[in-house]
């Protein structure tokens, strides 16, 4: 499963990383809204593409359980303190960004 909050820039990479029967869940389009889809690959590999603006409590629980078992990987590009949050927000559109921007809670600073 790939959870994609970015959109078109990484959509093809998300699809290529799936095994047969895998799923891509798209819930953001920060890098663009349009992408091409190889329909032959879709039906041969039997993967699912799901669009979502959120999820149910059950789905959130499932994601938390997967994360607690070490089965989810999130690439963090940079970490910021809460005081640096405005800088972090500005860097969301940085073209060199590779991964998420993390704002650390006060107790971790």
PDB file of N, CA and C in Angstrom:
ATOM      1  N   UNK A   1       0.846  -1.170   0.000  1.00  0.00           N
ATOM      2  CA  UNK A   1       0.000   0.000   0.000  1.00  0.00           C
ATOM      3  C   UNK A   1       0.895   1.237   0.000  1.00  0.00           C
ATOM      4  N   UNK A   2       0.510   2.209  -0.805  1.00  0.00           N
ATOM      5  CA  UNK A   2       1.184   3.496  -0.818  1.00  0.00           C
ATOM      6  C   UNK A   2       0.155   4.559  -0.471  1.00  0.00           C
ATOM      7  N   UNK A   3       0.488   5.408   0.478  1.00  0.00           N
ATOM      8  CA  UNK A   3      -0.378   6.527   0.846  1.00  0.00           C
ATOM      9  C   UNK A   3       0.295   7.770   0.289  1.00  0.00           C
ATOM     10  N   UNK A   4      -0.328   8.382  -0.705  1.00  0.00           N
ATOM     11  CA  UNK A   4       0.289   9.468  -1.467  1.00  0.00           C
ATOM     12  C   UNK A   4      -0.410  10.797  -1.205  1.00  0.00           C
ATOM     13  N   UNK A   5       0.233  11.697  -0.453  1.00  0.00           N
ATOM     14  CA  UNK A   5      -0.351  13.008  -0.213  1.00  0.00           C
ATOM     15  C   UNK A   5       0.121  14.059  -1.214  1.00  0.00           C
ATOM     16  N   UNK A   6       0.958  13.677  -2.191  1.00  0.00           N
ATOM     17  CA  UNK A   6       1.593  14.674  -3.054  1.00  0.00           C
ATOM     18  C   UNK A   6       0.943  14.848  -4.413  1.00  0.00           C
ATOM     19  N   UNK A   7       0.464  13.779  -5.028  1.00  0.00           N
ATOM     20  CA  UNK A   7      -0.181  13.932  -6.320  1.00  0.00           C
ATOM     21  C   UNK A   7       0.695  13.547  -7.489  1.00  0.00           C
ATOM     22  N   UNK A   8       0.574  14.281  -8.578  1.00  0.00           N
ATOM     23  CA  UNK A   8       1.104  13.853  -9.871  1.00  0.00           C
ATOM     24  C   UNK A   8       2.611  13.639  -9.923  1.00  0.00           C
ATOM     25  N   UNK A   9       3.387  14.393  -9.197  1.00  0.00           N
ATOM     26  CA  UNK A   9       4.840  14.277  -9.309  1.00  0.00           C
ATOM     27  C   UNK A   9       5.345  12.878  -8.931  1.00  0.00           C
ATOM     28  N   UNK A  10       4.707  12.238  -7.978  1.00  0.00           N
ATOM     29  CA  UNK A  10       5.160  10.924  -7.531  1.00  0.00           C
ATOM     30  C   UNK A  10       4.166   9.802  -7.811  1.00  0.00           C
ATOM     31  N   UNK A  11       3.103  10.100  -8.532  1.00  0.00           N
ATOM     32  CA  UNK A  11       2.068   9.096  -8.759  1.00  0.00           C
ATOM     33  C   UNK A  11       2.610   7.879  -9.494  1.00  0.00           C
ATOM     34  N   UNK A  12       3.373   8.083 -10.555  1.00  0.00           N
ATOM     35  CA  UNK A  12       3.924   6.952 -11.317  1.00  0.00           C
ATOM     36  C   UNK A  12       4.846   6.101 -10.448  1.00  0.00           C
ATOM     37  N   UNK A  13       5.659   6.748  -9.629  1.00  0.00           N
ATOM     38  CA  UNK A  13       6.560   6.019  -8.735  1.00  0.00           C
ATOM     39  C   UNK A  13       5.745   5.212  -7.725  1.00  0.00           C
ATOM     40  N   UNK A  14       4.666   5.806  -7.241  1.00  0.00           N
ATOM     41  CA  UNK A  14       3.795   5.088  -6.300  1.00  0.00           C
ATOM     42  C   UNK A  14       3.243   3.824  -6.935  1.00  0.00           C
ATOM     43  N   UNK A  15       2.763   3.928  -8.170  1.00  0.00           N
ATOM     44  CA  UNK A  15       2.207   2.759  -8.858  1.00  0.00           C
ATOM     45  C   UNK A  15       3.271   1.694  -9.108  1.00  0.00           C
ATOM     46  N   UNK A  16       4.456   2.127  -9.509  1.00  0.00           N
ATOM     47  CA  UNK A  16       5.521   1.168  -9.806  1.00  0.00           C
ATOM     48  C   UNK A  16       5.986   0.427  -8.559  1.00  0.00           C
ATOM     49  N   UNK A  17       5.840   1.031  -7.397  1.00  0.00           N
ATOM     50  CA  UNK A  17       6.298   0.387  -6.165  1.00  0.00           C
ATOM     51  C   UNK A  17       5.324  -0.669  -5.651  1.00  0.00           C
ATOM     52  N   UNK A  18       4.134  -0.751  -6.250  1.00  0.00           N
ATOM     53  CA  UNK A  18       3.136  -1.710  -5.803  1.00  0.00           C
ATOM     54  C   UNK A  18       3.416  -3.110  -6.318  1.00  0.00           C
ATOM     55  N   UNK A  19       3.093  -4.078  -5.492  1.00  0.00           N
ATOM     56  CA  UNK A  19       3.079  -5.468  -5.920  1.00  0.00           C
ATOM     57  C   UNK A  19       1.679  -5.751  -6.465  1.00  0.00           C
ATOM     58  N   UNK A  20       1.479  -6.872  -7.095  1.00  0.00           N
ATOM     59  CA  UNK A  20       0.145  -7.231  -7.587  1.00  0.00           C
ATOM     60  C   UNK A  20      -0.847  -7.193  -6.437  1.00  0.00           C
ATOM     61  N   UNK A  21      -2.018  -6.625  -6.698  1.00  0.00           N
ATOM     62  CA  UNK A  21      -3.048  -6.524  -5.674  1.00  0.00           C
ATOM     63  C   UNK A  21      -2.855  -5.383  -4.694  1.00  0.00           C
ATOM     64  N   UNK A  22      -1.857  -4.547  -4.916  1.00  0.00           N
ATOM     65  CA  UNK A  22      -1.587  -3.429  -4.013  1.00  0.00           C
ATOM     66  C   UNK A  22      -2.563  -2.280  -4.188  1.00  0.00           C
ATOM     67  N   UNK A  23      -2.440  -1.274  -3.321  1.00  0.00           N
ATOM     68  CA  UNK A  23      -3.327  -0.112  -3.366  1.00  0.00           C
ATOM     69  C   UNK A  23      -2.530   1.180  -3.244  1.00  0.00           C
ATOM     70  N   UNK A  24      -2.963   2.190  -3.981  1.00  0.00           N
ATOM     71  CA  UNK A  24      -2.462   3.548  -3.820  1.00  0.00           C
ATOM     72  C   UNK A  24      -3.635   4.382  -3.330  1.00  0.00           C
ATOM     73  N   UNK A  25      -3.428   5.074  -2.232  1.00  0.00           N
ATOM     74  CA  UNK A  25      -4.453   5.967  -1.707  1.00  0.00           C
ATOM     75  C   UNK A  25      -3.935   7.388  -1.868  1.00  0.00           C
ATOM     76  N   UNK A  26      -4.657   8.178  -2.654  1.00  0.00           N
ATOM     77  CA  UNK A  26      -4.267   9.565  -2.929  1.00  0.00           C
ATOM     78  C   UNK A  26      -5.163  10.479  -2.100  1.00  0.00           C
ATOM     79  N   UNK A  27      -4.525  11.325  -1.264  1.00  0.00           N
ATOM     80  CA  UNK A  27      -5.333  12.248  -0.479  1.00  0.00           C
ATOM     81  C   UNK A  27      -4.804  13.673  -0.523  1.00  0.00           C
ATOM     82  N   UNK A  28      -4.008  13.959  -1.540  1.00  0.00           N
ATOM     83  CA  UNK A  28      -3.518  15.314  -1.710  1.00  0.00           C
ATOM     84  C   UNK A  28      -2.945  15.486  -3.102  1.00  0.00           C
ATOM     85  N   UNK A  29      -2.873  16.726  -3.541  1.00  0.00           N
ATOM     86  CA  UNK A  29      -2.369  17.017  -4.881  1.00  0.00           C
ATOM     87  C   UNK A  29      -1.417  18.216  -4.854  1.00  0.00           C
ATOM     88  N   UNK A  30      -0.554  18.247  -3.857  1.00  0.00           N
ATOM     89  CA  UNK A  30       0.369  19.363  -3.683  1.00  0.00           C
ATOM     90  C   UNK A  30       1.249  19.576  -4.912  1.00  0.00           C
ATOM     91  N   UNK A  31       1.638  18.493  -5.605  1.00  0.00           N
ATOM     92  CA  UNK A  31       2.531  18.618  -6.758  1.00  0.00           C
ATOM     93  C   UNK A  31       1.793  18.578  -8.089  1.00  0.00           C
ATOM     94  N   UNK A  32       0.474  18.559  -8.062  1.00  0.00           N
ATOM     95  CA  UNK A  32      -0.300  18.566  -9.294  1.00  0.00           C
ATOM     96  C   UNK A  32      -1.460  17.604  -9.247  1.00  0.00           C
ATOM     97  N   UNK A  33      -2.444  17.857 -10.118  1.00  0.00           N
ATOM     98  CA  UNK A  33      -3.682  17.084 -10.105  1.00  0.00           C
ATOM     99  C   UNK A  33      -3.810  16.094 -11.251  1.00  0.00           C
ATOM    100  N   UNK A  34      -2.945  16.147 -12.259  1.00  0.00           N
ATOM    101  CA  UNK A  34      -3.115  15.291 -13.430  1.00  0.00           C
ATOM    102  C   UNK A  34      -1.962  14.313 -13.572  1.00  0.00           C
ATOM    103  N   UNK A  35      -2.299  13.104 -14.044  1.00  0.00           N
ATOM    104  CA  UNK A  35      -1.302  12.068 -14.268  1.00  0.00           C
ATOM    105  C   UNK A  35      -1.847  11.099 -15.311  1.00  0.00           C
ATOM    106  N   UNK A  36      -0.948  10.365 -15.964  1.00  0.00           N
ATOM    107  CA  UNK A  36      -1.361   9.330 -16.906  1.00  0.00           C
ATOM    108  C   UNK A  36      -1.406   8.002 -16.165  1.00  0.00           C
ATOM    109  N   UNK A  37      -2.302   7.134 -16.584  1.00  0.00           N
ATOM    110  CA  UNK A  37      -2.439   5.826 -15.970  1.00  0.00           C
ATOM    111  C   UNK A  37      -2.387   4.768 -17.058  1.00  0.00           C
ATOM    112  N   UNK A  38      -1.486   3.821 -16.916  1.00  0.00           N
ATOM    113  CA  UNK A  38      -1.378   2.714 -17.852  1.00  0.00           C
ATOM    114  C   UNK A  38      -2.467   1.699 -17.509  1.00  0.00           C
ATOM    115  N   UNK A  39      -3.531   1.660 -18.288  1.00  0.00           N
ATOM    116  CA  UNK A  39      -4.664   0.786 -17.997  1.00  0.00           C
ATOM    117  C   UNK A  39      -4.291  -0.692 -18.087  1.00  0.00           C
ATOM    118  N   UNK A  40      -3.363  -1.029 -18.980  1.00  0.00           N
ATOM    119  CA  UNK A  40      -2.916  -2.416 -19.079  1.00  0.00           C
ATOM    120  C   UNK A  40      -2.263  -2.880 -17.782  1.00  0.00           C
ATOM    121  N   UNK A  41      -1.426  -2.037 -17.218  1.00  0.00           N
ATOM    122  CA  UNK A  41      -0.787  -2.374 -15.948  1.00  0.00           C
ATOM    123  C   UNK A  41      -1.811  -2.477 -14.831  1.00  0.00           C
ATOM    124  N   UNK A  42      -2.816  -1.615 -14.880  1.00  0.00           N
ATOM    125  CA  UNK A  42      -3.878  -1.624 -13.865  1.00  0.00           C
ATOM    126  C   UNK A  42      -4.581  -2.974 -13.818  1.00  0.00           C
ATOM    127  N   UNK A  43      -5.000  -3.490 -14.961  1.00  0.00           N
ATOM    128  CA  UNK A  43      -5.741  -4.748 -14.920  1.00  0.00           C
ATOM    129  C   UNK A  43      -4.832  -5.971 -14.800  1.00  0.00           C
ATOM    130  N   UNK A  44      -3.631  -5.938 -15.376  1.00  0.00           N
ATOM    131  CA  UNK A  44      -2.723  -7.088 -15.254  1.00  0.00           C
ATOM    132  C   UNK A  44      -2.241  -7.279 -13.818  1.00  0.00           C
ATOM    133  N   UNK A  45      -1.923  -6.189 -13.164  1.00  0.00           N
ATOM    134  CA  UNK A  45      -1.377  -6.269 -11.797  1.00  0.00           C
ATOM    135  C   UNK A  45      -2.465  -6.180 -10.732  1.00  0.00           C
ATOM    136  N   UNK A  46      -3.696  -5.890 -11.155  1.00  0.00           N
ATOM    137  CA  UNK A  46      -4.855  -5.868 -10.260  1.00  0.00           C
ATOM    138  C   UNK A  46      -4.650  -4.981  -9.037  1.00  0.00           C
ATOM    139  N   UNK A  47      -4.113  -3.763  -9.254  1.00  0.00           N
ATOM    140  CA  UNK A  47      -4.005  -2.857  -8.120  1.00  0.00           C
ATOM    141  C   UNK A  47      -5.177  -1.900  -8.089  1.00  0.00           C
ATOM    142  N   UNK A  48      -5.345  -1.238  -6.959  1.00  0.00           N
ATOM    143  CA  UNK A  48      -6.434  -0.295  -6.760  1.00  0.00           C
ATOM    144  C   UNK A  48      -5.871   1.112  -6.592  1.00  0.00           C
ATOM    145  N   UNK A  49      -6.578   2.083  -7.147  1.00  0.00           N
ATOM    146  CA  UNK A  49      -6.273   3.485  -6.933  1.00  0.00           C
ATOM    147  C   UNK A  49      -7.483   4.085  -6.234  1.00  0.00           C
ATOM    148  N   UNK A  50      -7.255   4.639  -5.052  1.00  0.00           N
ATOM    149  CA  UNK A  50      -8.347   5.149  -4.229  1.00  0.00           C
ATOM    150  C   UNK A  50      -8.087   6.618  -3.925  1.00  0.00           C
ATOM    151  N   UNK A  51      -9.084   7.445  -4.143  1.00  0.00           N
ATOM    152  CA  UNK A  51      -9.005   8.850  -3.760  1.00  0.00           C
ATOM    153  C   UNK A  51      -9.738   9.053  -2.454  1.00  0.00           C
ATOM    154  N   UNK A  52      -9.183   9.871  -1.587  1.00  0.00           N
ATOM    155  CA  UNK A  52      -9.800  10.056  -0.277  1.00  0.00           C
ATOM    156  C   UNK A  52      -9.532  11.465   0.247  1.00  0.00           C
ATOM    157  N   UNK A  53     -10.524  12.042   0.874  1.00  0.00           N
ATOM    158  CA  UNK A  53     -10.332  13.320   1.570  1.00  0.00           C
ATOM    159  C   UNK A  53     -10.152  13.091   3.059  1.00  0.00           C
ATOM    160  N   UNK A  54     -10.126  11.873   3.470  1.00  0.00           N
ATOM    161  CA  UNK A  54      -9.967  11.518   4.877  1.00  0.00           C
ATOM    162  C   UNK A  54     -10.249  10.050   5.036  1.00  0.00           C
ATOM    163  N   UNK A  55     -10.578   9.656   6.205  1.00  0.00           N
ATOM    164  CA  UNK A  55     -10.862   8.253   6.436  1.00  0.00           C
ATOM    165  C   UNK A  55     -11.706   8.084   7.677  1.00  0.00           C
ATOM    166  N   UNK A  56     -12.120   6.860   7.880  1.00  0.00           N
ATOM    167  CA  UNK A  56     -12.934   6.534   9.052  1.00  0.00           C
ATOM    168  C   UNK A  56     -12.027   6.290  10.261  1.00  0.00           C
ATOM    169  N   UNK A  57     -12.611   6.206  11.416  1.00  0.00           N
ATOM    170  CA  UNK A  57     -11.846   5.889  12.625  1.00  0.00           C
ATOM    171  C   UNK A  57     -11.222   4.505  12.510  1.00  0.00           C
ATOM    172  N   UNK A  58     -11.950   3.577  11.914  1.00  0.00           N
ATOM    173  CA  UNK A  58     -11.432   2.227  11.732  1.00  0.00           C
ATOM    174  C   UNK A  58     -10.179   2.248  10.864  1.00  0.00           C
ATOM    175  N   UNK A  59     -10.223   3.013   9.774  1.00  0.00           N
ATOM    176  CA  UNK A  59      -9.071   3.099   8.879  1.00  0.00           C
ATOM    177  C   UNK A  59      -7.876   3.760   9.571  1.00  0.00           C
ATOM    178  N   UNK A  60      -8.141   4.790  10.367  1.00  0.00           N
ATOM    179  CA  UNK A  60      -7.063   5.437  11.117  1.00  0.00           C
ATOM    180  C   UNK A  60      -6.441   4.441  12.094  1.00  0.00           C
ATOM    181  N   UNK A  61      -7.272   3.654  12.752  1.00  0.00           N
ATOM    182  CA  UNK A  61      -6.778   2.636  13.688  1.00  0.00           C
ATOM    183  C   UNK A  61      -5.891   1.633  12.962  1.00  0.00           C
ATOM    184  N   UNK A  62      -6.302   1.210  11.758  1.00  0.00           N
ATOM    185  CA  UNK A  62      -5.505   0.266  10.980  1.00  0.00           C
ATOM    186  C   UNK A  62      -4.138   0.852  10.628  1.00  0.00           C
ATOM    187  N   UNK A  63      -4.111   2.124  10.237  1.00  0.00           N
ATOM    188  CA  UNK A  63      -2.844   2.773   9.890  1.00  0.00           C
ATOM    189  C   UNK A  63      -1.944   2.870  11.122  1.00  0.00           C
ATOM    190  N   UNK A  64      -2.519   3.229  12.259  1.00  0.00           N
ATOM    191  CA  UNK A  64      -1.739   3.319  13.495  1.00  0.00           C
ATOM    192  C   UNK A  64      -1.162   1.952  13.860  1.00  0.00           C
ATOM    193  N   UNK A  65      -1.957   0.897  13.697  1.00  0.00           N
ATOM    194  CA  UNK A  65      -1.473  -0.455  13.995  1.00  0.00           C
ATOM    195  C   UNK A  65      -0.334  -0.853  13.064  1.00  0.00           C
ATOM    196  N   UNK A  66      -0.466  -0.530  11.777  1.00  0.00           N
ATOM    197  CA  UNK A  66       0.623  -0.835  10.832  1.00  0.00           C
ATOM    198  C   UNK A  66       1.889  -0.072  11.205  1.00  0.00           C
ATOM    199  N   UNK A  67       1.728   1.191  11.565  1.00  0.00           N
ATOM    200  CA  UNK A  67       2.889   2.007  11.937  1.00  0.00           C
ATOM    201  C   UNK A  67       3.552   1.460  13.194  1.00  0.00           C
ATOM    202  N   UNK A  68       2.764   1.026  14.166  1.00  0.00           N
ATOM    203  CA  UNK A  68       3.325   0.510  15.414  1.00  0.00           C
ATOM    204  C   UNK A  68       4.088  -0.799  15.198  1.00  0.00           C
ATOM    205  N   UNK A  69       3.770  -1.508  14.128  1.00  0.00           N
ATOM    206  CA  UNK A  69       4.464  -2.759  13.804  1.00  0.00           C
ATOM    207  C   UNK A  69       5.655  -2.513  12.879  1.00  0.00           C
ATOM    208  N   UNK A  70       5.930  -1.247  12.584  1.00  0.00           N
ATOM    209  CA  UNK A  70       7.054  -0.926  11.714  1.00  0.00           C
ATOM    210  C   UNK A  70       6.804  -1.220  10.252  1.00  0.00           C
ATOM    211  N   UNK A  71       5.542  -1.321   9.849  1.00  0.00           N
ATOM    212  CA  UNK A  71       5.222  -1.679   8.466  1.00  0.00           C
ATOM    213  C   UNK A  71       4.959  -0.460   7.583  1.00  0.00           C
ATOM    214  N   UNK A  72       5.026   0.727   8.145  1.00  0.00           N
ATOM    215  CA  UNK A  72       4.875   1.953   7.358  1.00  0.00           C
ATOM    216  C   UNK A  72       6.186   2.719   7.393  1.00  0.00           C
ATOM    217  N   UNK A  73       6.537   3.295   6.271  1.00  0.00           N
ATOM    218  CA  UNK A  73       7.758   4.091   6.204  1.00  0.00           C
ATOM    219  C   UNK A  73       7.384   5.493   5.732  1.00  0.00           C
ATOM    220  N   UNK A  74       7.823   6.474   6.466  1.00  0.00           N
ATOM    221  CA  UNK A  74       7.585   7.863   6.099  1.00  0.00           C
ATOM    222  C   UNK A  74       8.943   8.529   5.960  1.00  0.00           C
ATOM    223  N   UNK A  75       9.190   9.092   4.808  1.00  0.00           N
ATOM    224  CA  UNK A  75      10.458   9.779   4.576  1.00  0.00           C
ATOM    225  C   UNK A  75      10.314  11.218   5.048  1.00  0.00           C
ATOM    226  N   UNK A  76      11.118  11.586   6.033  1.00  0.00           N
ATOM    227  CA  UNK A  76      11.097  12.943   6.577  1.00  0.00           C
ATOM    228  C   UNK A  76      12.246  13.718   5.959  1.00  0.00           C
ATOM    229  N   UNK A  77      11.919  14.824   5.327  1.00  0.00           N
ATOM    230  CA  UNK A  77      12.918  15.663   4.664  1.00  0.00           C
ATOM    231  C   UNK A  77      13.626  16.555   5.675  1.00  0.00           C
ATOM    232  N   UNK A  78      12.840  17.289   6.449  1.00  0.00           N
ATOM    233  CA  UNK A  78      13.401  18.187   7.470  1.00  0.00           C
ATOM    234  C   UNK A  78      12.498  18.220   8.686  1.00  0.00           C
ATOM    235  N   UNK A  79      13.121  18.501   9.825  1.00  0.00           N
ATOM    236  CA  UNK A  79      12.382  18.637  11.077  1.00  0.00           C
ATOM    237  C   UNK A  79      12.523  20.064  11.589  1.00  0.00           C
ATOM    238  N   UNK A  80      11.433  20.577  12.126  1.00  0.00           N
ATOM    239  CA  UNK A  80      11.426  21.941  12.652  1.00  0.00           C
ATOM    240  C   UNK A  80      10.807  21.953  14.044  1.00  0.00           C
ATOM    241  N   UNK A  81      11.216  22.933  14.815  1.00  0.00           N
ATOM    242  CA  UNK A  81      10.572  23.158  16.104  1.00  0.00           C
ATOM    243  C   UNK A  81       9.246  23.876  15.854  1.00  0.00           C
ATOM    244  N   UNK A  82       8.397  23.900  16.864  1.00  0.00           N
ATOM    245  CA  UNK A  82       7.122  24.595  16.738  1.00  0.00           C
ATOM    246  C   UNK A  82       7.332  26.079  16.442  1.00  0.00           C
ATOM    247  N   UNK A  83       8.377  26.655  17.004  1.00  0.00           N
ATOM    248  CA  UNK A  83       8.682  28.069  16.760  1.00  0.00           C
ATOM    249  C   UNK A  83       9.064  28.331  15.302  1.00  0.00           C
ATOM    250  N   UNK A  84       9.517  27.303  14.598  1.00  0.00           N
ATOM    251  CA  UNK A  84       9.909  27.428  13.189  1.00  0.00           C
ATOM    252  C   UNK A  84       8.799  27.003  12.228  1.00  0.00           C
ATOM    253  N   UNK A  85       7.595  26.856  12.725  1.00  0.00           N
ATOM    254  CA  UNK A  85       6.486  26.348  11.910  1.00  0.00           C
ATOM    255  C   UNK A  85       6.228  27.199  10.674  1.00  0.00           C
ATOM    256  N   UNK A  86       6.338  28.512  10.774  1.00  0.00           N
ATOM    257  CA  UNK A  86       6.080  29.354   9.598  1.00  0.00           C
ATOM    258  C   UNK A  86       7.109  29.077   8.500  1.00  0.00           C
ATOM    259  N   UNK A  87       8.359  28.836   8.873  1.00  0.00           N
ATOM    260  CA  UNK A  87       9.383  28.483   7.890  1.00  0.00           C
ATOM    261  C   UNK A  87       9.063  27.126   7.256  1.00  0.00           C
ATOM    262  N   UNK A  88       8.631  26.178   8.071  1.00  0.00           N
ATOM    263  CA  UNK A  88       8.277  24.840   7.572  1.00  0.00           C
ATOM    264  C   UNK A  88       7.149  24.923   6.554  1.00  0.00           C
ATOM    265  N   UNK A  89       6.156  25.741   6.833  1.00  0.00           N
ATOM    266  CA  UNK A  89       5.019  25.890   5.913  1.00  0.00           C
ATOM    267  C   UNK A  89       5.478  26.478   4.586  1.00  0.00           C
ATOM    268  N   UNK A  90       6.367  27.452   4.627  1.00  0.00           N
ATOM    269  CA  UNK A  90       6.893  28.046   3.389  1.00  0.00           C
ATOM    270  C   UNK A  90       7.646  27.016   2.556  1.00  0.00           C
ATOM    271  N   UNK A  91       8.287  26.066   3.210  1.00  0.00           N
ATOM    272  CA  UNK A  91       9.095  25.084   2.487  1.00  0.00           C
ATOM    273  C   UNK A  91       8.274  23.932   1.903  1.00  0.00           C
ATOM    274  N   UNK A  92       6.978  23.916   2.134  1.00  0.00           N
ATOM    275  CA  UNK A  92       6.141  22.868   1.555  1.00  0.00           C
ATOM    276  C   UNK A  92       6.241  22.828   0.034  1.00  0.00           C
ATOM    277  N   UNK A  93       6.431  23.976  -0.576  1.00  0.00           N
ATOM    278  CA  UNK A  93       6.486  24.046  -2.047  1.00  0.00           C
ATOM    279  C   UNK A  93       7.915  24.038  -2.598  1.00  0.00           C
ATOM    280  N   UNK A  94       8.892  23.779  -1.755  1.00  0.00           N
ATOM    281  CA  UNK A  94      10.288  23.720  -2.192  1.00  0.00           C
ATOM    282  C   UNK A  94      10.455  22.571  -3.185  1.00  0.00           C
ATOM    283  N   UNK A  95      10.909  22.868  -4.390  1.00  0.00           N
ATOM    284  CA  UNK A  95      11.026  21.849  -5.436  1.00  0.00           C
ATOM    285  C   UNK A  95      12.066  20.787  -5.103  1.00  0.00           C
ATOM    286  N   UNK A  96      12.999  21.089  -4.223  1.00  0.00           N
ATOM    287  CA  UNK A  96      14.014  20.096  -3.865  1.00  0.00           C
ATOM    288  C   UNK A  96      13.571  19.204  -2.708  1.00  0.00           C
ATOM    289  N   UNK A  97      12.380  19.427  -2.200  1.00  0.00           N
ATOM    290  CA  UNK A  97      11.892  18.662  -1.049  1.00  0.00           C
ATOM    291  C   UNK A  97      11.709  17.206  -1.419  1.00  0.00           C
ATOM    292  N   UNK A  98      12.254  16.343  -0.577  1.00  0.00           N
ATOM    293  CA  UNK A  98      12.122  14.895  -0.770  1.00  0.00           C
ATOM    294  C   UNK A  98      11.609  14.290   0.527  1.00  0.00           C
ATOM    295  N   UNK A  99      10.331  14.297   0.710  1.00  0.00           N
ATOM    296  CA  UNK A  99       9.750  13.723   1.910  1.00  0.00           C
ATOM    297  C   UNK A  99       8.892  14.723   2.658  1.00  0.00           C
ATOM    298  N   UNK A 100       8.473  14.312   3.832  1.00  0.00           N
ATOM    299  CA  UNK A 100       7.578  15.115   4.656  1.00  0.00           C
ATOM    300  C   UNK A 100       8.368  16.144   5.455  1.00  0.00           C
ATOM    301  N   UNK A 101       7.672  17.151   5.890  1.00  0.00           N
ATOM    302  CA  UNK A 101       8.218  18.140   6.809  1.00  0.00           C
ATOM    303  C   UNK A 101       7.578  17.861   8.162  1.00  0.00           C
ATOM    304  N   UNK A 102       8.405  17.691   9.165  1.00  0.00           N
ATOM    305  CA  UNK A 102       7.929  17.319  10.491  1.00  0.00           C
ATOM    306  C   UNK A 102       8.107  18.493  11.449  1.00  0.00           C
ATOM    307  N   UNK A 103       7.045  18.847  12.133  1.00  0.00           N
ATOM    308  CA  UNK A 103       7.122  19.844  13.204  1.00  0.00           C
ATOM    309  C   UNK A 103       7.102  19.075  14.502  1.00  0.00           C
ATOM    310  N   UNK A 104       8.222  19.149  15.222  1.00  0.00           N
ATOM    311  CA  UNK A 104       8.379  18.364  16.449  1.00  0.00           C
ATOM    312  C   UNK A 104       7.531  18.958  17.578  1.00  0.00           C
ATOM    313  N   UNK A 105       6.918  18.106  18.366  1.00  0.00           N
ATOM    314  CA  UNK A 105       6.182  18.610  19.523  1.00  0.00           C
ATOM    315  C   UNK A 105       7.164  19.203  20.544  1.00  0.00           C
ATOM    316  N   UNK A 106       6.666  20.089  21.354  1.00  0.00           N
ATOM    317  CA  UNK A 106       7.532  20.777  22.331  1.00  0.00           C
ATOM    318  C   UNK A 106       8.316  19.814  23.209  1.00  0.00           C
ATOM    319  N   UNK A 107       7.707  18.675  23.593  1.00  0.00           N
ATOM    320  CA  UNK A 107       8.387  17.762  24.497  1.00  0.00           C
ATOM    321  C   UNK A 107       9.560  17.041  23.842  1.00  0.00           C
ATOM    322  N   UNK A 108       9.697  17.117  22.522  1.00  0.00           N
ATOM    323  CA  UNK A 108      10.829  16.490  21.823  1.00  0.00           C
ATOM    324  C   UNK A 108      11.917  17.494  21.469  1.00  0.00           C
ATOM    325  N   UNK A 109      11.750  18.725  21.812  1.00  0.00           N
ATOM    326  CA  UNK A 109      12.731  19.750  21.410  1.00  0.00           C
ATOM    327  C   UNK A 109      13.832  19.909  22.422  1.00  0.00           C
TER     328      UNK A 109
END
